[in-house]
Amino acid sequence: MVEKRPVLERSRERLIKALEEGVAPLGLDDFEVEFLSFPVARLIVEVIGDPFLRHRFAVAEAKRAQRLFKDEDEETLIDIA
């Protein structure tokens, strides 16, 4: 079972980096924390309900995904899609 605190801290980090830097950090150290922090961060964004935050977070996460996928081969990308 994953501890709640690391997930919440990672969610917070994703949101702060999205606002301050416009890109979410990669954070590949702990798969479970990383996997769970995205929906938690999205939930926080939706509860706040600010359109600017929603847009900024979406763009930051898209940039993060682009960085993660840029070195993948075509077959892997097709499998992911």
PDB file of N, CA and C in Angstrom:
ATOM      1  N   MET A   1       0.843  -1.181   0.000  1.00  0.00           N
ATOM      2  CA  MET A   1       0.000   0.000   0.000  1.00  0.00           C
ATOM      3  C   MET A   1       0.890   1.246   0.000  1.00  0.00           C
ATOM      4  N   VAL A   2       0.510   2.201  -0.791  1.00  0.00           N
ATOM      5  CA  VAL A   2       1.277   3.439  -0.927  1.00  0.00           C
ATOM      6  C   VAL A   2       0.876   4.409   0.178  1.00  0.00           C
ATOM      7  N   GLU A   3       1.880   5.038   0.769  1.00  0.00           N
ATOM      8  CA  GLU A   3       1.629   6.070   1.775  1.00  0.00           C
ATOM      9  C   GLU A   3       0.963   7.276   1.121  1.00  0.00           C
ATOM     10  N   LYS A   4       0.061   7.922   1.822  1.00  0.00           N
ATOM     11  CA  LYS A   4      -0.656   9.079   1.275  1.00  0.00           C
ATOM     12  C   LYS A   4       0.233  10.308   1.142  1.00  0.00           C
ATOM     13  N   ARG A   5       1.073  10.545   2.142  1.00  0.00           N
ATOM     14  CA  ARG A   5       1.862  11.777   2.157  1.00  0.00           C
ATOM     15  C   ARG A   5       2.732  11.951   0.913  1.00  0.00           C
ATOM     16  N   PRO A   6       3.499  10.933   0.488  1.00  0.00           N
ATOM     17  CA  PRO A   6       4.312  11.120  -0.722  1.00  0.00           C
ATOM     18  C   PRO A   6       3.468  11.431  -1.964  1.00  0.00           C
ATOM     19  N   VAL A   7       2.290  10.834  -2.056  1.00  0.00           N
ATOM     20  CA  VAL A   7       1.413  11.099  -3.201  1.00  0.00           C
ATOM     21  C   VAL A   7       0.938  12.547  -3.163  1.00  0.00           C
ATOM     22  N   LEU A   8       0.531  13.008  -2.002  1.00  0.00           N
ATOM     23  CA  LEU A   8       0.074  14.395  -1.871  1.00  0.00           C
ATOM     24  C   LEU A   8       1.208  15.380  -2.122  1.00  0.00           C
ATOM     25  N   GLU A   9       2.394  15.067  -1.603  1.00  0.00           N
ATOM     26  CA  GLU A   9       3.546  15.948  -1.831  1.00  0.00           C
ATOM     27  C   GLU A   9       3.908  16.005  -3.312  1.00  0.00           C
ATOM     28  N   ARG A  10       3.865  14.866  -3.983  1.00  0.00           N
ATOM     29  CA  ARG A  10       4.185  14.841  -5.415  1.00  0.00           C
ATOM     30  C   ARG A  10       3.113  15.579  -6.219  1.00  0.00           C
ATOM     31  N   SER A  11       1.868  15.433  -5.835  1.00  0.00           N
ATOM     32  CA  SER A  11       0.784  16.168  -6.497  1.00  0.00           C
ATOM     33  C   SER A  11       0.998  17.668  -6.349  1.00  0.00           C
ATOM     34  N   ARG A  12       1.347  18.074  -5.156  1.00  0.00           N
ATOM     35  CA  ARG A  12       1.625  19.490  -4.887  1.00  0.00           C
ATOM     36  C   ARG A  12       2.796  19.974  -5.737  1.00  0.00           C
ATOM     37  N   GLU A  13       3.859  19.173  -5.807  1.00  0.00           N
ATOM     38  CA  GLU A  13       5.027  19.538  -6.607  1.00  0.00           C
ATOM     39  C   GLU A  13       4.655  19.707  -8.079  1.00  0.00           C
ATOM     40  N   ARG A  14       3.842  18.802  -8.594  1.00  0.00           N
ATOM     41  CA  ARG A  14       3.416  18.893  -9.997  1.00  0.00           C
ATOM     42  C   ARG A  14       2.676  20.203 -10.249  1.00  0.00           C
ATOM     43  N   LEU A  15       1.793  20.564  -9.333  1.00  0.00           N
ATOM     44  CA  LEU A  15       1.015  21.793  -9.500  1.00  0.00           C
ATOM     45  C   LEU A  15       1.890  23.037  -9.397  1.00  0.00           C
ATOM     46  N   ILE A  16       2.771  23.067  -8.434  1.00  0.00           N
ATOM     47  CA  ILE A  16       3.645  24.231  -8.256  1.00  0.00           C
ATOM     48  C   ILE A  16       4.567  24.398  -9.454  1.00  0.00           C
ATOM     49  N   LYS A  17       5.171  23.314  -9.913  1.00  0.00           N
ATOM     50  CA  LYS A  17       6.060  23.401 -11.079  1.00  0.00           C
ATOM     51  C   LYS A  17       5.290  23.825 -12.325  1.00  0.00           C
ATOM     52  N   ALA A  18       4.070  23.352 -12.466  1.00  0.00           N
ATOM     53  CA  ALA A  18       3.246  23.755 -13.611  1.00  0.00           C
ATOM     54  C   ALA A  18       3.010  25.261 -13.587  1.00  0.00           C
ATOM     55  N   LEU A  19       2.711  25.788 -12.423  1.00  0.00           N
ATOM     56  CA  LEU A  19       2.457  27.227 -12.309  1.00  0.00           C
ATOM     57  C   LEU A  19       3.724  28.053 -12.461  1.00  0.00           C
ATOM     58  N   GLU A  20       4.790  27.635 -11.800  1.00  0.00           N
ATOM     59  CA  GLU A  20       6.022  28.434 -11.787  1.00  0.00           C
ATOM     60  C   GLU A  20       6.856  28.282 -13.053  1.00  0.00           C
ATOM     61  N   GLU A  21       6.946  27.073 -13.576  1.00  0.00           N
ATOM     62  CA  GLU A  21       7.872  26.803 -14.675  1.00  0.00           C
ATOM     63  C   GLU A  21       7.181  26.400 -15.974  1.00  0.00           C
ATOM     64  N   GLY A  22       5.902  26.070 -15.900  1.00  0.00           N
ATOM     65  CA  GLY A  22       5.170  25.692 -17.094  1.00  0.00           C
ATOM     66  C   GLY A  22       5.442  24.286 -17.585  1.00  0.00           C
ATOM     67  N   VAL A  23       6.131  23.497 -16.784  1.00  0.00           N
ATOM     68  CA  VAL A  23       6.387  22.101 -17.155  1.00  0.00           C
ATOM     69  C   VAL A  23       6.451  21.262 -15.878  1.00  0.00           C
ATOM     70  N   ALA A  24       5.839  20.094 -15.926  1.00  0.00           N
ATOM     71  CA  ALA A  24       5.845  19.205 -14.770  1.00  0.00           C
ATOM     72  C   ALA A  24       7.159  18.432 -14.731  1.00  0.00           C
ATOM     73  N   PRO A  25       7.728  18.258 -13.541  1.00  0.00           N
ATOM     74  CA  PRO A  25       8.974  17.495 -13.430  1.00  0.00           C
ATOM     75  C   PRO A  25       8.740  16.019 -13.742  1.00  0.00           C
ATOM     76  N   LEU A  26       9.782  15.354 -14.211  1.00  0.00           N
ATOM     77  CA  LEU A  26       9.649  13.955 -14.610  1.00  0.00           C
ATOM     78  C   LEU A  26       9.324  13.043 -13.434  1.00  0.00           C
ATOM     79  N   GLY A  27      10.061  13.120 -12.354  1.00  0.00           N
ATOM     80  CA  GLY A  27       9.759  12.360 -11.152  1.00  0.00           C
ATOM     81  C   GLY A  27       9.542  10.878 -11.365  1.00  0.00           C
ATOM     82  N   LEU A  28      10.561  10.191 -11.831  1.00  0.00           N
ATOM     83  CA  LEU A  28      10.415   8.770 -12.143  1.00  0.00           C
ATOM     84  C   LEU A  28      10.961   7.856 -11.049  1.00  0.00           C
ATOM     85  N   ASP A  29      11.161   8.381  -9.853  1.00  0.00           N
ATOM     86  CA  ASP A  29      11.772   7.602  -8.775  1.00  0.00           C
ATOM     87  C   ASP A  29      10.859   6.509  -8.222  1.00  0.00           C
ATOM     88  N   ASP A  30       9.584   6.807  -8.070  1.00  0.00           N
ATOM     89  CA  ASP A  30       8.648   5.863  -7.467  1.00  0.00           C
ATOM     90  C   ASP A  30       7.412   5.760  -8.360  1.00  0.00           C
ATOM     91  N   PHE A  31       7.294   4.647  -9.061  1.00  0.00           N
ATOM     92  CA  PHE A  31       6.211   4.486 -10.035  1.00  0.00           C
ATOM     93  C   PHE A  31       4.833   4.673  -9.408  1.00  0.00           C
ATOM     94  N   GLU A  32       4.596   4.038  -8.263  1.00  0.00           N
ATOM     95  CA  GLU A  32       3.265   4.113  -7.652  1.00  0.00           C
ATOM     96  C   GLU A  32       2.907   5.537  -7.248  1.00  0.00           C
ATOM     97  N   VAL A  33       3.858   6.235  -6.647  1.00  0.00           N
ATOM     98  CA  VAL A  33       3.610   7.628  -6.258  1.00  0.00           C
ATOM     99  C   VAL A  33       3.350   8.475  -7.496  1.00  0.00           C
ATOM    100  N   GLU A  34       4.157   8.274  -8.511  1.00  0.00           N
ATOM    101  CA  GLU A  34       3.999   9.036  -9.755  1.00  0.00           C
ATOM    102  C   GLU A  34       2.647   8.740 -10.396  1.00  0.00           C
ATOM    103  N   PHE A  35       2.284   7.476 -10.451  1.00  0.00           N
ATOM    104  CA  PHE A  35       1.023   7.052 -11.058  1.00  0.00           C
ATOM    105  C   PHE A  35      -0.175   7.661 -10.335  1.00  0.00           C
ATOM    106  N   LEU A  36      -0.140   7.670  -9.018  1.00  0.00           N
ATOM    107  CA  LEU A  36      -1.265   8.179  -8.235  1.00  0.00           C
ATOM    108  C   LEU A  36      -1.291   9.701  -8.124  1.00  0.00           C
ATOM    109  N   SER A  37      -0.144  10.333  -8.244  1.00  0.00           N
ATOM    110  CA  SER A  37      -0.104  11.788  -8.055  1.00  0.00           C
ATOM    111  C   SER A  37      -0.793  12.556  -9.175  1.00  0.00           C
ATOM    112  N   PHE A  38      -0.827  11.998 -10.380  1.00  0.00           N
ATOM    113  CA  PHE A  38      -1.481  12.715 -11.478  1.00  0.00           C
ATOM    114  C   PHE A  38      -2.981  12.888 -11.237  1.00  0.00           C
ATOM    115  N   PRO A  39      -3.742  11.807 -10.970  1.00  0.00           N
ATOM    116  CA  PRO A  39      -5.177  12.030 -10.752  1.00  0.00           C
ATOM    117  C   PRO A  39      -5.473  12.876  -9.513  1.00  0.00           C
ATOM    118  N   VAL A  40      -4.627  12.781  -8.497  1.00  0.00           N
ATOM    119  CA  VAL A  40      -4.824  13.622  -7.315  1.00  0.00           C
ATOM    120  C   VAL A  40      -4.623  15.090  -7.684  1.00  0.00           C
ATOM    121  N   ALA A  41      -3.571  15.377  -8.436  1.00  0.00           N
ATOM    122  CA  ALA A  41      -3.325  16.754  -8.880  1.00  0.00           C
ATOM    123  C   ALA A  41      -4.474  17.244  -9.756  1.00  0.00           C
ATOM    124  N   ARG A  42      -4.959  16.391 -10.650  1.00  0.00           N
ATOM    125  CA  ARG A  42      -6.094  16.769 -11.517  1.00  0.00           C
ATOM    126  C   ARG A  42      -7.332  17.078 -10.685  1.00  0.00           C
ATOM    127  N   LEU A  43      -7.566  16.282  -9.668  1.00  0.00           N
ATOM    128  CA  LEU A  43      -8.709  16.508  -8.792  1.00  0.00           C
ATOM    129  C   LEU A  43      -8.587  17.854  -8.088  1.00  0.00           C
ATOM    130  N   ILE A  44      -7.404  18.158  -7.605  1.00  0.00           N
ATOM    131  CA  ILE A  44      -7.172  19.449  -6.950  1.00  0.00           C
ATOM    132  C   ILE A  44      -7.455  20.590  -7.922  1.00  0.00           C
ATOM    133  N   VAL A  45      -6.960  20.463  -9.143  1.00  0.00           N
ATOM    134  CA  VAL A  45      -7.191  21.493 -10.168  1.00  0.00           C
ATOM    135  C   VAL A  45      -8.688  21.680 -10.397  1.00  0.00           C
ATOM    136  N   GLU A  46      -9.421  20.594 -10.513  1.00  0.00           N
ATOM    137  CA  GLU A  46     -10.861  20.695 -10.778  1.00  0.00           C
ATOM    138  C   GLU A  46     -11.625  21.262  -9.592  1.00  0.00           C
ATOM    139  N   VAL A  47     -11.221  20.907  -8.379  1.00  0.00           N
ATOM    140  CA  VAL A  47     -11.885  21.447  -7.193  1.00  0.00           C
ATOM    141  C   VAL A  47     -11.658  22.951  -7.098  1.00  0.00           C
ATOM    142  N   ILE A  48     -10.445  23.399  -7.407  1.00  0.00           N
ATOM    143  CA  ILE A  48     -10.158  24.835  -7.391  1.00  0.00           C
ATOM    144  C   ILE A  48     -10.984  25.538  -8.463  1.00  0.00           C
ATOM    145  N   GLY A  49     -11.086  24.922  -9.628  1.00  0.00           N
ATOM    146  CA  GLY A  49     -11.952  25.437 -10.678  1.00  0.00           C
ATOM    147  C   GLY A  49     -11.459  26.663 -11.423  1.00  0.00           C
ATOM    148  N   ASP A  50     -10.184  26.970 -11.331  1.00  0.00           N
ATOM    149  CA  ASP A  50      -9.636  28.138 -12.016  1.00  0.00           C
ATOM    150  C   ASP A  50      -9.225  27.756 -13.441  1.00  0.00           C
ATOM    151  N   PRO A  51      -9.784  28.431 -14.449  1.00  0.00           N
ATOM    152  CA  PRO A  51      -9.450  28.087 -15.838  1.00  0.00           C
ATOM    153  C   PRO A  51      -7.964  28.252 -16.166  1.00  0.00           C
ATOM    154  N   PHE A  52      -7.325  29.282 -15.612  1.00  0.00           N
ATOM    155  CA  PHE A  52      -5.896  29.478 -15.865  1.00  0.00           C
ATOM    156  C   PHE A  52      -5.097  28.301 -15.321  1.00  0.00           C
ATOM    157  N   LEU A  53      -5.387  27.883 -14.090  1.00  0.00           N
ATOM    158  CA  LEU A  53      -4.686  26.746 -13.488  1.00  0.00           C
ATOM    159  C   LEU A  53      -4.935  25.479 -14.304  1.00  0.00           C
ATOM    160  N   ARG A  54      -6.168  25.265 -14.721  1.00  0.00           N
ATOM    161  CA  ARG A  54      -6.503  24.082 -15.515  1.00  0.00           C
ATOM    162  C   ARG A  54      -5.676  24.050 -16.804  1.00  0.00           C
ATOM    163  N   HIS A  55      -5.619  25.179 -17.490  1.00  0.00           N
ATOM    164  CA  HIS A  55      -4.861  25.255 -18.744  1.00  0.00           C
ATOM    165  C   HIS A  55      -3.363  25.078 -18.494  1.00  0.00           C
ATOM    166  N   ARG A  56      -2.853  25.767 -17.493  1.00  0.00           N
ATOM    167  CA  ARG A  56      -1.417  25.711 -17.195  1.00  0.00           C
ATOM    168  C   ARG A  56      -0.992  24.287 -16.831  1.00  0.00           C
ATOM    169  N   PHE A  57      -1.814  23.612 -16.024  1.00  0.00           N
ATOM    170  CA  PHE A  57      -1.512  22.239 -15.628  1.00  0.00           C
ATOM    171  C   PHE A  57      -1.546  21.308 -16.841  1.00  0.00           C
ATOM    172  N   ALA A  58      -2.548  21.458 -17.688  1.00  0.00           N
ATOM    173  CA  ALA A  58      -2.668  20.606 -18.879  1.00  0.00           C
ATOM    174  C   ALA A  58      -1.468  20.774 -19.800  1.00  0.00           C
ATOM    175  N   VAL A  59      -1.047  22.006 -20.029  1.00  0.00           N
ATOM    176  CA  VAL A  59       0.103  22.260 -20.899  1.00  0.00           C
ATOM    177  C   VAL A  59       1.378  21.698 -20.273  1.00  0.00           C
ATOM    178  N   ALA A  60       1.553  21.897 -18.972  1.00  0.00           N
ATOM    179  CA  ALA A  60       2.744  21.390 -18.284  1.00  0.00           C
ATOM    180  C   ALA A  60       2.824  19.869 -18.365  1.00  0.00           C
ATOM    181  N   GLU A  61       1.707  19.200 -18.185  1.00  0.00           N
ATOM    182  CA  GLU A  61       1.695  17.738 -18.257  1.00  0.00           C
ATOM    183  C   GLU A  61       1.914  17.256 -19.691  1.00  0.00           C
ATOM    184  N   ALA A  62       1.399  17.997 -20.661  1.00  0.00           N
ATOM    185  CA  ALA A  62       1.639  17.637 -22.068  1.00  0.00           C
ATOM    186  C   ALA A  62       3.119  17.753 -22.407  1.00  0.00           C
ATOM    187  N   LYS A  63       3.763  18.798 -21.914  1.00  0.00           N
ATOM    188  CA  LYS A  63       5.203  18.960 -22.141  1.00  0.00           C
ATOM    189  C   LYS A  63       5.982  17.835 -21.472  1.00  0.00           C
ATOM    190  N   ARG A  64       5.542  17.443 -20.289  1.00  0.00           N
ATOM    191  CA  ARG A  64       6.186  16.340 -19.577  1.00  0.00           C
ATOM    192  C   ARG A  64       6.074  15.054 -20.389  1.00  0.00           C
ATOM    193  N   ALA A  65       4.878  14.773 -20.885  1.00  0.00           N
ATOM    194  CA  ALA A  65       4.670  13.568 -21.693  1.00  0.00           C
ATOM    195  C   ALA A  65       5.536  13.600 -22.946  1.00  0.00           C
ATOM    196  N   GLN A  66       5.638  14.755 -23.557  1.00  0.00           N
ATOM    197  CA  GLN A  66       6.471  14.886 -24.759  1.00  0.00           C
ATOM    198  C   GLN A  66       7.926  14.539 -24.443  1.00  0.00           C
ATOM    199  N   ARG A  67       8.433  15.032 -23.304  1.00  0.00           N
ATOM    200  CA  ARG A  67       9.812  14.711 -22.914  1.00  0.00           C
ATOM    201  C   ARG A  67       9.982  13.221 -22.656  1.00  0.00           C
ATOM    202  N   LEU A  68       8.980  12.604 -22.039  1.00  0.00           N
ATOM    203  CA  LEU A  68       9.069  11.172 -21.738  1.00  0.00           C
ATOM    204  C   LEU A  68       9.039  10.319 -23.000  1.00  0.00           C
ATOM    205  N   PHE A  69       8.263  10.733 -23.998  1.00  0.00           N
ATOM    206  CA  PHE A  69       8.073   9.925 -25.194  1.00  0.00           C
ATOM    207  C   PHE A  69       9.037  10.227 -26.326  1.00  0.00           C
ATOM    208  N   LYS A  70       9.780  11.297 -26.239  1.00  0.00           N
ATOM    209  CA  LYS A  70      10.600  11.726 -27.379  1.00  0.00           C
ATOM    210  C   LYS A  70      11.653  10.705 -27.805  1.00  0.00           C
ATOM    211  N   ASP A  71      12.145   9.900 -26.885  1.00  0.00           N
ATOM    212  CA  ASP A  71      13.190   8.935 -27.219  1.00  0.00           C
ATOM    213  C   ASP A  71      12.664   7.516 -27.438  1.00  0.00           C
ATOM    214  N   GLU A  72      11.351   7.354 -27.375  1.00  0.00           N
ATOM    215  CA  GLU A  72      10.761   6.029 -27.578  1.00  0.00           C
ATOM    216  C   GLU A  72      10.694   5.701 -29.065  1.00  0.00           C
ATOM    217  N   ASP A  73      10.828   4.423 -29.373  1.00  0.00           N
ATOM    218  CA  ASP A  73      10.716   4.017 -30.774  1.00  0.00           C
ATOM    219  C   ASP A  73       9.240   3.993 -31.186  1.00  0.00           C
ATOM    220  N   GLU A  74       9.020   3.968 -32.483  1.00  0.00           N
ATOM    221  CA  GLU A  74       7.662   4.063 -33.031  1.00  0.00           C
ATOM    222  C   GLU A  74       6.761   2.933 -32.537  1.00  0.00           C
ATOM    223  N   GLU A  75       7.294   1.734 -32.454  1.00  0.00           N
ATOM    224  CA  GLU A  75       6.493   0.587 -32.012  1.00  0.00           C
ATOM    225  C   GLU A  75       5.992   0.778 -30.580  1.00  0.00           C
ATOM    226  N   THR A  76       6.851   1.257 -29.709  1.00  0.00           N
ATOM    227  CA  THR A  76       6.456   1.506 -28.324  1.00  0.00           C
ATOM    228  C   THR A  76       5.376   2.573 -28.260  1.00  0.00           C
ATOM    229  N   LEU A  77       5.537   3.637 -29.033  1.00  0.00           N
ATOM    230  CA  LEU A  77       4.540   4.706 -29.048  1.00  0.00           C
ATOM    231  C   LEU A  77       3.191   4.207 -29.553  1.00  0.00           C
ATOM    232  N   ILE A  78       3.210   3.339 -30.539  1.00  0.00           N
ATOM    233  CA  ILE A  78       1.960   2.760 -31.043  1.00  0.00           C
ATOM    234  C   ILE A  78       1.310   1.899 -29.966  1.00  0.00           C
ATOM    235  N   ASP A  79       2.115   1.129 -29.235  1.00  0.00           N
ATOM    236  CA  ASP A  79       1.587   0.305 -28.147  1.00  0.00           C
ATOM    237  C   ASP A  79       0.961   1.168 -27.056  1.00  0.00           C
ATOM    238  N   ILE A  80       1.587   2.293 -26.751  1.00  0.00           N
ATOM    239  CA  ILE A  80       1.073   3.197 -25.721  1.00  0.00           C
ATOM    240  C   ILE A  80      -0.247   3.817 -26.165  1.00  0.00           C
ATOM    241  N   ALA A  81      -0.304   4.193 -27.445  1.00  0.00           N
ATOM    242  CA  ALA A  81      -1.512   4.846 -27.973  1.00  0.00           C
ATOM    243  C   ALA A  81      -2.661   3.872 -27.966  1.00  0.00           C
TER     244      ALA A  81
END
